[in-house]
Protein backbone atom coordinates (compact mmCIF):
# COMPACT_ATOMS: atom_id res chain seq x y z
CA MET A 1 -44.01 47.19 181.33
CA GLU A 2 -43.55 47.51 177.58
CA GLU A 3 -41.80 44.64 175.83
CA ALA A 4 -39.34 45.07 172.95
CA GLN A 5 -39.67 43.21 169.66
CA LEU A 6 -36.66 42.05 167.66
CA ASN A 7 -36.34 43.72 164.27
CA VAL A 8 -33.45 43.31 161.80
CA VAL A 9 -33.06 45.31 158.60
CA LEU A 10 -30.26 44.96 156.05
CA LEU A 11 -29.62 48.66 155.52
CA ARG A 12 -27.08 48.32 152.70
CA HIS A 13 -24.37 46.07 151.31
CA THR A 14 -21.57 46.10 148.76
CA PRO A 15 -23.09 46.60 145.30
CA ASP A 16 -23.35 43.22 143.56
CA PRO A 17 -21.51 41.47 146.42
CA GLU A 18 -21.27 38.15 144.63
CA LEU A 19 -19.64 39.62 141.55
CA ALA A 20 -17.20 41.56 143.75
CA CYS A 21 -16.10 38.38 145.55
CA ALA A 22 -15.99 36.32 142.36
CA ALA A 23 -13.80 38.96 140.67
CA ALA A 24 -11.44 38.88 143.65
CA ALA A 25 -11.27 35.10 143.46
CA ARG A 26 -10.57 35.25 139.74
CA GLN A 27 -7.63 37.57 140.35
CA CYS A 28 -5.96 34.87 142.44
CA TYR A 29 -5.76 32.53 139.46
CA SER A 30 -5.68 34.88 136.49
CA ALA A 31 -3.16 37.10 134.76
CA ALA A 32 -5.98 39.48 133.82
CA GLY A 33 -5.55 43.12 134.71
CA VAL A 34 -7.82 45.03 137.06
CA ARG A 35 -10.00 46.37 134.24
CA ASP A 36 -10.50 42.90 132.81
CA LEU A 37 -11.43 41.02 135.99
CA GLN A 38 -15.17 41.24 135.48
CA GLU A 39 -15.10 40.55 131.75
CA LYS A 40 -16.80 37.33 130.69
CA MET A 41 -18.02 36.85 134.28
CA THR A 42 -21.48 35.59 133.39
CA PRO A 43 -23.96 34.95 136.23
CA GLU A 44 -23.38 31.22 135.76
CA LYS A 45 -19.61 31.63 136.10
CA VAL A 46 -20.04 33.75 139.21
CA VAL A 47 -22.19 31.07 140.83
CA ALA A 48 -19.76 28.28 139.89
CA LEU A 49 -16.72 30.21 141.10
CA LEU A 50 -18.34 31.14 144.40
CA ASP A 51 -19.37 27.54 144.99
CA THR A 52 -15.76 26.47 144.55
CA VAL A 53 -14.50 29.26 146.78
CA VAL A 54 -16.98 28.73 149.62
CA ARG A 55 -16.85 24.93 149.63
CA GLY A 56 -13.07 24.98 149.36
CA GLY A 57 -12.63 27.31 152.33
CA HIS A 58 -10.94 30.08 150.31
CA HIS A 59 -12.89 32.61 152.34
CA SER A 60 -10.43 35.52 152.22
CA VAL A 61 -12.01 36.73 148.96
CA LEU A 62 -15.34 37.05 150.77
CA GLU A 63 -13.91 39.93 152.80
CA HIS A 64 -14.50 42.18 149.78
CA ALA A 65 -18.27 42.20 150.44
CA SER A 66 -19.70 43.92 153.51
CA PHE A 67 -23.20 44.05 154.94
CA THR A 68 -24.70 46.67 157.28
CA PHE A 69 -27.65 45.82 159.54
CA GLY A 70 -29.94 47.95 161.64
CA VAL A 71 -30.98 46.04 164.75
CA GLU A 72 -33.55 46.98 167.37
CA GLY A 73 -35.44 45.20 170.10
CA VAL A 74 -32.37 43.48 171.55
CA SER A 75 -31.11 43.65 175.11
CA ARG A 76 -27.83 44.94 176.43
CA ALA A 77 -27.09 41.32 177.35
CA CYS A 78 -27.33 40.45 173.66
CA THR A 79 -25.11 43.25 172.40
CA HIS A 80 -22.47 42.42 175.02
CA GLN A 81 -22.22 39.04 173.28
CA LEU A 82 -22.44 40.53 169.80
CA VAL A 83 -19.45 42.85 170.19
CA ARG A 84 -17.25 39.87 171.04
CA HIS A 85 -17.16 39.35 167.27
CA ARG A 86 -14.37 41.83 166.84
CA LEU A 87 -13.95 41.87 163.05
CA ALA A 88 -16.97 44.13 162.72
CA SER A 89 -18.04 47.74 163.22
CA TYR A 90 -20.68 48.79 165.73
CA SER A 91 -22.64 51.97 166.49
CA GLN A 92 -24.90 51.52 169.51
CA GLN A 93 -27.58 53.73 171.02
CA SER A 94 -26.02 55.67 173.87
CA GLN A 95 -27.49 55.55 177.36
CA ARG A 96 -25.51 58.70 178.15
CA TYR A 97 -27.61 60.80 175.79
CA VAL A 98 -30.86 58.89 175.15
CA ASP A 99 -33.32 59.17 178.02
CA ALA A 100 -34.35 55.73 179.30
CA LYS A 101 -37.52 56.67 181.21
CA THR A 102 -39.62 54.99 178.48
CA VAL A 103 -37.22 52.13 177.73
CA LYS A 104 -38.69 48.80 176.62
CA TRP A 105 -37.62 45.45 178.04
CA VAL A 106 -36.51 42.19 176.47
CA VAL A 107 -38.21 39.34 178.34
CA PRO A 108 -36.64 35.84 178.26
CA PRO A 109 -39.14 33.27 176.91
CA LYS A 110 -38.84 31.06 180.00
CA VAL A 111 -39.68 34.03 182.21
CA LYS A 112 -42.64 34.98 180.02
CA ALA A 113 -43.98 31.42 180.11
CA ASN A 114 -43.98 31.36 183.91
CA GLY A 115 -46.71 33.54 185.38
CA LYS A 116 -45.09 34.12 188.77
CA ALA A 117 -41.64 34.63 187.24
CA TYR A 118 -43.05 37.18 184.79
CA GLU A 119 -44.78 39.01 187.63
CA GLU A 120 -41.49 39.28 189.54
CA PHE A 121 -39.65 40.35 186.40
CA ALA A 122 -42.18 43.07 185.59
CA LYS A 123 -42.13 44.32 189.17
CA CYS A 124 -38.35 44.63 189.05
CA MET A 125 -38.38 46.48 185.70
CA ASP A 126 -41.03 48.94 186.93
CA SER A 127 -39.02 49.55 190.09
CA THR A 128 -35.93 50.19 187.99
CA LEU A 129 -37.67 52.83 185.91
CA LYS A 130 -38.96 54.56 189.02
CA ALA A 131 -35.45 54.65 190.47
CA TYR A 132 -34.05 55.97 187.16
CA ALA A 133 -36.66 58.73 187.00
CA ALA A 134 -36.11 59.63 190.67
CA LEU A 135 -32.38 60.01 190.12
CA GLU A 136 -32.97 62.33 187.16
CA GLU A 137 -35.39 64.41 189.24
CA LEU A 138 -32.63 64.74 191.86
CA GLY A 139 -30.40 66.27 189.23
CA ILE A 140 -28.38 63.17 188.40
CA ASP A 141 -27.14 63.07 184.79
CA LYS A 142 -28.40 60.30 182.50
CA GLU A 143 -24.88 58.88 182.28
CA ASP A 144 -25.00 58.17 186.02
CA ALA A 145 -28.71 57.39 186.37
CA ARG A 146 -28.23 54.60 183.82
CA PHE A 147 -26.26 52.60 186.37
CA VAL A 148 -29.55 51.25 187.73
CA LEU A 149 -30.62 49.91 184.31
CA PRO A 150 -30.48 46.10 183.92
CA ASN A 151 -29.31 43.90 181.05
CA ALA A 152 -32.94 43.55 179.96
CA ALA A 153 -33.02 47.18 178.77
CA GLU A 154 -33.64 47.39 175.02
CA THR A 155 -30.99 48.87 172.81
CA LYS A 156 -30.53 49.61 169.13
CA ILE A 157 -27.35 49.01 167.18
CA VAL A 158 -25.95 49.26 163.64
CA VAL A 159 -23.64 46.39 162.70
CA THR A 160 -21.32 46.02 159.72
CA MET A 161 -19.51 42.77 158.95
CA ASN A 162 -17.81 41.39 155.88
CA ALA A 163 -19.08 38.12 154.42
CA ARG A 164 -16.23 36.06 155.84
CA GLU A 165 -16.90 37.22 159.39
CA LEU A 166 -20.62 36.69 158.87
CA LEU A 167 -19.99 33.05 157.95
CA HIS A 168 -18.11 32.63 161.22
CA PHE A 169 -20.83 34.51 163.14
CA PHE A 170 -23.55 32.27 161.70
CA GLU A 171 -21.54 29.14 162.45
CA MET A 172 -21.26 30.15 166.10
CA ARG A 173 -24.57 31.86 166.78
CA CYS A 174 -27.04 29.85 164.65
CA CYS A 175 -26.00 26.84 166.71
CA ASN A 176 -28.65 25.57 169.14
CA ARG A 177 -26.09 25.92 171.92
CA ALA A 178 -25.98 29.70 171.43
CA GLN A 179 -27.91 31.85 173.91
CA TRP A 180 -31.52 32.18 172.72
CA GLU A 181 -31.52 35.92 171.98
CA ILE A 182 -28.36 36.16 169.91
CA HIS A 183 -29.43 32.92 168.20
CA ALA A 184 -32.67 34.62 167.11
CA LEU A 185 -30.69 37.66 165.93
CA ALA A 186 -28.28 35.51 163.91
CA VAL A 187 -31.11 33.60 162.23
CA LYS A 188 -32.75 36.85 161.10
CA MET A 189 -29.45 38.26 159.86
CA LEU A 190 -28.78 35.08 157.89
CA GLN A 191 -32.22 35.30 156.28
CA GLU A 192 -31.40 38.81 155.08
CA CYS A 193 -27.98 37.77 153.79
CA LYS A 194 -29.41 34.88 151.79
CA LYS A 195 -31.74 37.29 150.03
CA ALA A 196 -28.88 39.63 149.09
CA ALA A 197 -26.19 37.03 148.29
CA PRO A 198 -27.65 33.51 148.17
CA ASN A 199 -24.55 31.90 146.68
CA ILE A 200 -22.15 33.35 149.25
CA PHE A 201 -24.35 32.20 152.11
CA LYS A 202 -25.59 28.97 150.55
CA TYR A 203 -23.72 26.87 153.11
CA ALA A 204 -23.94 29.31 156.04
CA GLY A 205 -25.11 28.12 159.43
CA PRO A 206 -24.09 25.79 162.26
CA THR A 207 -21.61 23.02 161.42
CA CYS A 208 -24.18 20.32 162.18
CA GLU A 209 -26.03 21.49 159.07
CA THR A 210 -23.13 22.58 156.87
CA GLU A 211 -20.48 19.98 157.69
CA LYS A 212 -22.59 17.27 159.37
CA ILE A 213 -20.43 17.50 162.47
CA CYS A 214 -20.60 19.14 165.91
CA TRP A 215 -17.67 20.55 167.87
CA GLU A 216 -19.55 21.01 171.14
CA GLY A 217 -18.58 17.58 172.47
CA LYS A 218 -20.52 16.60 175.60
CA MET A 219 -22.34 19.95 175.43
CA SER A 220 -23.84 19.11 172.01
CA CYS A 221 -27.61 19.34 171.59
CA GLY A 222 -27.39 16.09 169.59
CA LYS A 223 -29.05 17.48 166.46
CA TRP A 224 -26.12 16.57 164.22
CA LYS A 225 -26.67 12.83 164.84
CA ASN A 226 -30.00 13.02 163.07
CA ILE A 227 -28.66 14.75 159.96
CA GLU A 228 -27.98 12.60 156.92
CA GLY A 229 -24.28 11.84 156.58
CA ALA A 230 -23.43 12.68 160.19
CA GLN A 231 -23.20 9.01 161.18
CA LEU A 232 -20.45 8.52 158.58
CA ARG A 233 -18.53 11.43 160.05
CA GLU A 234 -18.86 9.92 163.51
CA LYS A 235 -17.33 6.68 162.23
CA GLY A 236 -14.56 8.53 160.41
CA ILE A 237 -15.72 7.38 156.97
CA CYS A 238 -16.07 10.87 155.52
């Protein structure tokens, strides 16, 4: 049984995404014409304007920057969660056309850490591949043979989101309460975004880190209580 490894690559993004968003923000408060929007927009002014925009919640201007990721080594279970973020574009590897006889598997950490559980998991995956191959040998098309494939089957997907949707995605999926696989994916995507646009994503992440508050209620992991300033939020002081 061959295991898949998560890999995330930022394939491309809006040229100079921070300047694009800052220029859009400037238009909201300026009489300047389109050709003049970027004039006198020094790097320092871009940073200051973006800080005001992001901290103030004026996130609509962030929709003018988009980011495209290539993702591999994730399971079908993960992408079923990913596509719930609907303000995005997706192009996923097709099981109708790509032969799955050599598919890799995503193994949950808790399964991998348990010897007997891993043995059962591997046995099931091997049995699945044998059934898939047998169906193909019987003349069954890949689009029907794939019905025996489990959620653990690796897939590859290209994802495009604008910066505003990414902020929401990171708020939801970088949270410790998120399922482990999409949490790992979100963390890697955020790392790539911070390299490309550090000022847009300066405050990106779960609300326990960005706002010192948690909305999970009784389901909270409790991390927010140990973050400086969170106790004041709990008491309603800030």
